[in-house]
Protein backbone atom coordinates (compact mmCIF):
# COMPACT_ATOMS: atom_id res chain seq x y z
CA UNK A 1 0.00 0.00 0.00
CA UNK A 2 2.75 2.47 0.95
CA UNK A 3 4.66 1.76 -2.25
CA UNK A 4 1.51 2.41 -4.32
CA UNK A 5 1.04 5.80 -2.63
CA UNK A 6 4.66 6.78 -3.33
CA UNK A 7 4.34 5.77 -7.00
CA UNK A 8 1.06 7.68 -7.37
CA UNK A 9 2.58 10.81 -5.81
CA UNK A 10 5.61 10.58 -8.09
CA UNK A 11 3.35 10.12 -11.14
CA UNK A 12 1.28 13.18 -10.20
CA UNK A 13 4.40 15.32 -9.76
CA UNK A 14 5.80 14.04 -13.07
CA UNK A 15 2.53 14.83 -14.86
CA UNK A 16 2.39 18.37 -13.42
CA UNK A 17 6.04 18.90 -14.33
CA UNK A 18 5.44 17.74 -17.90
CA UNK A 19 2.41 20.03 -18.31
CA UNK A 20 4.36 23.04 -17.00
CA UNK A 21 7.32 22.17 -19.25
CA UNK A 22 5.09 21.86 -22.34
CA UNK A 23 3.34 25.16 -21.56
CA UNK A 24 6.75 26.83 -21.11
CA UNK A 25 7.96 25.48 -24.46
CA UNK A 26 4.73 26.61 -26.15
CA UNK A 27 4.96 30.16 -24.77
CA UNK A 28 8.69 30.31 -25.50
CA UNK A 29 8.05 29.26 -29.12
CA UNK A 30 5.31 31.88 -29.57
CA UNK A 31 7.67 34.46 -28.06
CA UNK A 32 10.45 33.53 -30.49
CA UNK A 33 8.13 33.50 -33.52
CA UNK A 34 6.98 37.00 -32.54
CA UNK A 35 3.27 36.25 -32.06
CA UNK A 36 3.27 37.91 -28.67
CA UNK A 37 5.23 40.93 -29.98
CA UNK A 38 7.66 40.84 -27.04
CA UNK A 39 5.01 41.61 -24.39
CA UNK A 40 6.74 39.41 -21.80
C-alpha cells in the first residue's frame, strides 16, 4: 500500500512537471516567432 502511494505521488508530480514544461515550451516558441510581440 505504501509503495503504491509513493508511486502515485511521483506520477502526479511528473505529470504536473510535464504540463508546465510543455506550456513553457509553447509560450517560448510563440515568443520567439513574434506572435506575442515581445510583451513578456
